[in-house]
Amino acid sequence: MDTPLVTAATKLTIPFVRLSHIYASDVVEAIVHAIHAPLQAGAYTWNMVGPESSCSIPTIAMLSAILGERAEQFDLSYYEQPGHAYKPIFSMENVQRELGFAPGKSTRAQ
C-alpha cells in the first residue's frame, strides 16, 4: 500500500478521513454484497473503513494527540478494551448487520 501511515507528528487537516483508509477491494466487495442483499424500503448511507485505523500508534493515542484538551470531552474508553487498541474510528456494525460483510484487509503496517 502506498499510503503512508499517520504518526503523532503528522499534521492532519482532515483527521478522521486520514485515519479511516480502506482497500478498494473491500469497498467493491461491500458493493457486491449490497447488490445481492434483499431489497428493503428506505435509503442507506454507510461509511466504509478498514478493520483497523491507519495510524502507527494506538487509536486512542492518536485521537488524544489530534484533539488535545478536547479529547477529555469524549468517551474513548472503547479503545482501552482488550483488542480495541487499533480499531477504526467509525463502526462497521450496521454494514455487517445489513449486508453480512465486514472489511477484512488492514491498512496498518504490522
Protein backbone atom coordinates (compact mmCIF):
# COMPACT_ATOMS: atom_id res chain seq x y z
CA MET A 1 0.00 0.00 0.00
CA ASP A 2 1.40 3.39 -0.98
CA THR A 3 -0.49 5.46 1.60
CA PRO A 4 1.87 6.42 4.43
CA LEU A 5 0.84 5.67 7.98
CA VAL A 6 -0.26 8.55 10.13
CA THR A 7 2.04 9.28 13.07
CA ALA A 8 1.58 11.57 16.07
CA ALA A 9 3.69 14.17 14.23
CA THR A 10 1.53 14.11 11.09
CA LYS A 11 -0.40 17.34 10.57
CA LEU A 12 -3.98 16.27 9.91
CA THR A 13 -6.17 18.78 8.14
CA ILE A 14 -8.93 16.17 7.75
CA PRO A 15 -8.01 13.79 10.61
CA PHE A 16 -10.97 11.46 10.54
CA VAL A 17 -10.55 10.76 6.84
CA ARG A 18 -6.81 10.18 7.17
CA LEU A 19 -7.38 7.62 9.96
CA SER A 20 -10.01 5.71 8.00
CA HIS A 21 -8.41 4.12 4.97
CA ILE A 22 -9.86 1.05 3.29
CA TYR A 23 -8.73 -1.09 0.41
CA ALA A 24 -10.67 -0.59 -2.82
CA SER A 25 -11.20 -4.36 -3.00
CA ASP A 26 -13.08 -4.24 0.33
CA VAL A 27 -15.26 -1.39 -1.00
CA VAL A 28 -16.03 -3.38 -4.15
CA GLU A 29 -16.90 -6.46 -2.07
CA ALA A 30 -19.26 -4.35 0.07
CA ILE A 31 -20.96 -3.04 -3.08
CA VAL A 32 -21.40 -6.61 -4.35
CA HIS A 33 -22.97 -7.57 -1.02
CA ALA A 34 -25.29 -4.53 -1.27
CA ILE A 35 -26.37 -5.54 -4.78
CA HIS A 36 -27.19 -9.06 -3.65
CA ALA A 37 -28.89 -8.03 -0.39
CA PRO A 38 -32.67 -8.35 -0.16
CA LEU A 39 -34.50 -5.17 -1.16
CA GLN A 40 -35.67 -3.01 1.71
CA ALA A 41 -37.60 0.24 1.89
CA GLY A 42 -35.55 3.35 2.50
CA ALA A 43 -32.15 4.67 1.60
CA TYR A 44 -28.89 3.94 3.38
CA THR A 45 -25.58 5.74 3.58
CA TRP A 46 -22.65 3.84 5.04
CA ASN A 47 -19.08 4.91 5.66
CA MET A 48 -16.64 2.18 4.79
CA VAL A 49 -13.42 1.84 6.76
CA GLY A 50 -10.88 -0.91 7.19
CA PRO A 51 -10.84 -3.14 10.27
CA GLU A 52 -8.10 -1.04 11.91
CA SER A 53 -7.25 2.64 11.99
CA SER A 54 -4.37 3.51 9.69
CA CYS A 55 -2.08 5.04 12.27
CA SER A 56 1.26 3.98 13.72
CA ILE A 57 0.18 4.30 17.36
CA PRO A 58 -2.98 3.10 19.15
CA THR A 59 -6.14 4.91 18.05
CA ILE A 60 -6.75 6.47 21.48
CA ALA A 61 -3.24 7.92 21.50
CA MET A 62 -3.72 9.35 18.01
CA LEU A 63 -7.12 10.83 18.86
CA SER A 64 -5.68 12.35 22.03
CA ALA A 65 -2.81 13.87 20.02
CA ILE A 66 -5.19 15.26 17.40
CA LEU A 67 -7.85 16.53 19.77
CA GLY A 68 -5.55 17.82 22.50
CA GLU A 69 -7.51 19.03 25.53
CA ARG A 70 -10.77 18.41 23.66
CA ALA A 71 -10.13 14.64 23.96
CA GLU A 72 -11.38 14.84 27.55
CA GLN A 73 -14.85 15.70 26.21
CA PHE A 74 -15.18 12.29 24.56
CA ASP A 75 -15.58 8.80 25.96
CA LEU A 76 -12.64 6.99 24.36
CA SER A 77 -12.81 4.00 26.74
CA TYR A 78 -13.78 1.70 23.84
CA TYR A 79 -10.16 1.90 22.65
CA GLU A 80 -8.90 0.83 26.08
CA GLN A 81 -10.73 -2.51 25.91
CA PRO A 82 -8.67 -5.60 25.04
CA GLY A 83 -8.36 -6.00 21.28
CA HIS A 84 -9.59 -2.47 20.51
CA ALA A 85 -6.29 -0.53 20.54
CA TYR A 86 -6.22 -0.10 16.76
CA LYS A 87 -9.94 -0.25 15.99
CA PRO A 88 -11.19 2.29 13.43
CA ILE A 89 -12.96 5.48 14.42
CA PHE A 90 -16.14 4.52 12.54
CA SER A 91 -18.22 1.47 13.39
CA MET A 92 -18.89 -1.09 10.70
CA GLU A 93 -21.61 -2.84 12.75
CA ASN A 94 -24.51 -1.57 10.62
CA VAL A 95 -22.86 -2.66 7.39
CA GLN A 96 -22.09 -6.06 8.86
CA ARG A 97 -25.63 -6.46 10.20
CA GLU A 98 -27.35 -5.28 7.00
CA LEU A 99 -25.06 -6.80 4.37
CA GLY A 100 -23.27 -9.59 6.19
CA PHE A 101 -19.96 -8.01 5.24
CA ALA A 102 -17.08 -6.56 7.23
CA PRO A 103 -13.88 -5.22 5.64
CA GLY A 104 -11.02 -7.59 6.34
CA LYS A 105 -7.84 -6.06 4.98
CA SER A 106 -5.89 -3.90 7.41
CA THR A 107 -4.26 -0.73 6.12
CA ARG A 108 -1.93 -0.60 9.13
CA ALA A 109 1.61 -1.90 8.78
CA GLN A 110 2.11 -4.93 11.00
